[in-house]
Protein backbone atom coordinates (compact mmCIF):
# COMPACT_ATOMS: atom_id res chain seq x y z
CA MET A 1 -14.35 8.54 13.92
CA ASN A 2 -14.26 9.07 10.27
CA GLY A 3 -12.90 11.68 8.11
CA GLU A 4 -9.15 12.99 6.81
CA GLY A 5 -6.30 12.46 9.26
CA VAL A 6 -7.85 8.98 10.46
CA LEU A 7 -5.48 6.28 11.42
CA ARG A 8 -6.61 2.91 12.29
CA VAL A 9 -5.09 0.02 13.55
CA THR A 10 -6.81 -3.41 14.27
CA PHE A 11 -5.12 -6.69 15.92
CA LEU A 12 -5.73 -9.20 14.06
CA GLY A 13 -5.71 -11.97 16.85
CA THR A 14 -5.91 -15.28 15.42
CA VAL A 15 -2.63 -14.38 12.57
CA SER A 16 -1.02 -12.24 15.20
CA GLU A 17 -0.64 -9.33 12.84
CA LEU A 18 -2.15 -5.92 12.72
CA ALA A 19 -4.24 -4.48 9.94
CA GLY A 20 -3.64 -0.45 9.31
CA GLU A 21 -6.11 1.29 7.49
CA CYS A 22 -5.77 5.08 6.10
CA TRP A 23 -8.00 7.76 6.30
CA CYS A 24 -7.49 7.63 1.73
CA GLY A 25 -8.70 3.94 1.81
CA ARG A 26 -4.93 1.92 1.41
CA THR A 27 -4.82 -0.94 4.03
CA TYR A 28 -1.53 -2.91 5.36
CA THR A 29 -0.78 -5.73 7.37
CA SER A 30 2.43 -6.43 9.58
CA ALA A 31 3.51 -8.17 12.72
CA ASP A 32 5.39 -5.55 13.54
CA PRO A 33 3.50 -2.38 15.15
CA ARG A 34 6.73 0.07 14.25
CA GLU A 35 6.43 -0.91 10.63
CA MET A 36 2.64 -0.24 10.46
CA TRP A 37 3.01 2.93 11.87
CA SER A 38 5.61 3.78 9.48
CA TRP A 39 3.66 2.99 6.61
CA LEU A 40 0.35 4.72 7.78
CA GLU A 41 2.57 7.62 8.21
CA GLU A 42 4.78 7.69 5.02
CA HIS A 43 2.22 6.12 2.65
CA GLU A 44 1.06 8.46 -0.23
CA HIS A 45 -2.50 9.66 0.63
CA GLY A 46 -4.48 8.46 -2.92
CA ARG A 47 -8.11 6.70 -2.79
CA VAL A 48 -7.29 3.38 -4.47
């Protein structure tokens, strides 16, 4: 699934962190799922 509005979170098992990717192309990593989803929902959407 691709396109505007798609958010992805992948578990990075080797380091016990989550990698988040917004439809706009920005990425973020965090060990805290709540922090990850907050970032995905609240950051400014703009291509990097």
